[in-house]
Amino acid sequence: MADIKQINPEDYADDHRVSFLVQEWKRLSQAEQDAQDLVEVDPAMAELAEKELAEIEEQKNVLMAQIAGVVGADDEREWPNEIVLEVRAGVGGDESALFAEELAGMYLRYAEAQGWRWKALDESRGASGGYKEAQFEIKGQDVYRALQWETGVHRVQRVPATEKQGRIHTSTASVAILPIYKRTKIEINPADIEIEFSRSGGAGGQNVNKVETAVRVIHKPTGIDVRSQNERSQAQNRERAMALLVSRLQQLKDEEEDRARAADRNSQVGTGDRSEKIRTYNFPQDRITDHRLKQSWSNIPGIMSGRLGPILEALAAADGGDAAAEGDEE
């Protein structure tokens, strides 16, 4: 819900959803002014006026809360302040898994620089290190607004550490930015989901869970599969997994709507579909190219260390929105 103190009802007089509430707020405001004027004219009426003013203030607060609940819902739906970052290894074997881990590290270091909080939800490591897949929860002001265009296939071109002949290899990893909405129209039929429980992974010894707290939720109509194992209880992991499932279903719905109106869309930024190759990281040439913008940046070490603000700002500007990311000096 939007902050009541930051809302001016008169700004929403033409909003058909709350116009009747605004009119009532104006009527109460006039009654409030009349009561205050009465006290100035006839101080003997002060006690009666104070009681009336208290009642008016209470009624106005109720109206303000109702207005905030309606107009604030749109802000939460569009710019949630909680996301799940998902990285998956693509083509390229071990090198792809290593690149996926580097991408995750890039976003998490950027998150820390913005003052956002994050925690790991699920990690599956490759045989030689890196991530086969991993999920992280990130919370913070404007987190989705800043990272919304990072979903897609990221390609890396470099000489792997294990390459003996010095040949450049090309590998890929996919990134998904899944917003967690406080309010959503997605409804899930309990008959459409299958829930499995297992023991959470651990480092061994006393840290290994002896009860089945890890949760896996499968949405049978779409085949979407989500997991959560890092919360302390089975109930918490189930709640987190269901929230992630809702987010993925919302993303699926959003992508379908994007494709439906793609012919009319004239944005320089792509839809962010996961099958879309969005960026190439060319290490030998110290160049990162975003294919949607047809724009490149140097200083790969700096960007991979979390200083990707300029790229995020360029994407926001190309989409016609305000740049939510703070610029980082390279």
Foldseek 3Di string as FASTA:
>chain_A
DDDLVPDDLVVCCVPVVQVVLSVVLVVLVVVLVVLVVVCVVPVVCVVVSVVSNVVSVVVNVVSSVVVCVVVVLVVLVVQPQKKKKKKAFDPDAPVSQQVSQLQVLQAVLLLVVVVKDKDWFDFDAHPVGGTNMTMMMIGDPRPCVLCVLQFAKEKEWAQDPPDPVRHIDITIMGIDIFGQGPDDPDDADPVQKDKDWAWADDPDDPGTDPDGQKMWMARNVVRDIFIGHPDDGNVVRVVVRVSRVSRVVVVVVQLVVCVVCVVVDDFLRDPSPHHDHAWYCYVVVQWIAGPSNRDIDGDPVVSSNHQCLVVSCVNCVRRVHHRPGDHDDD
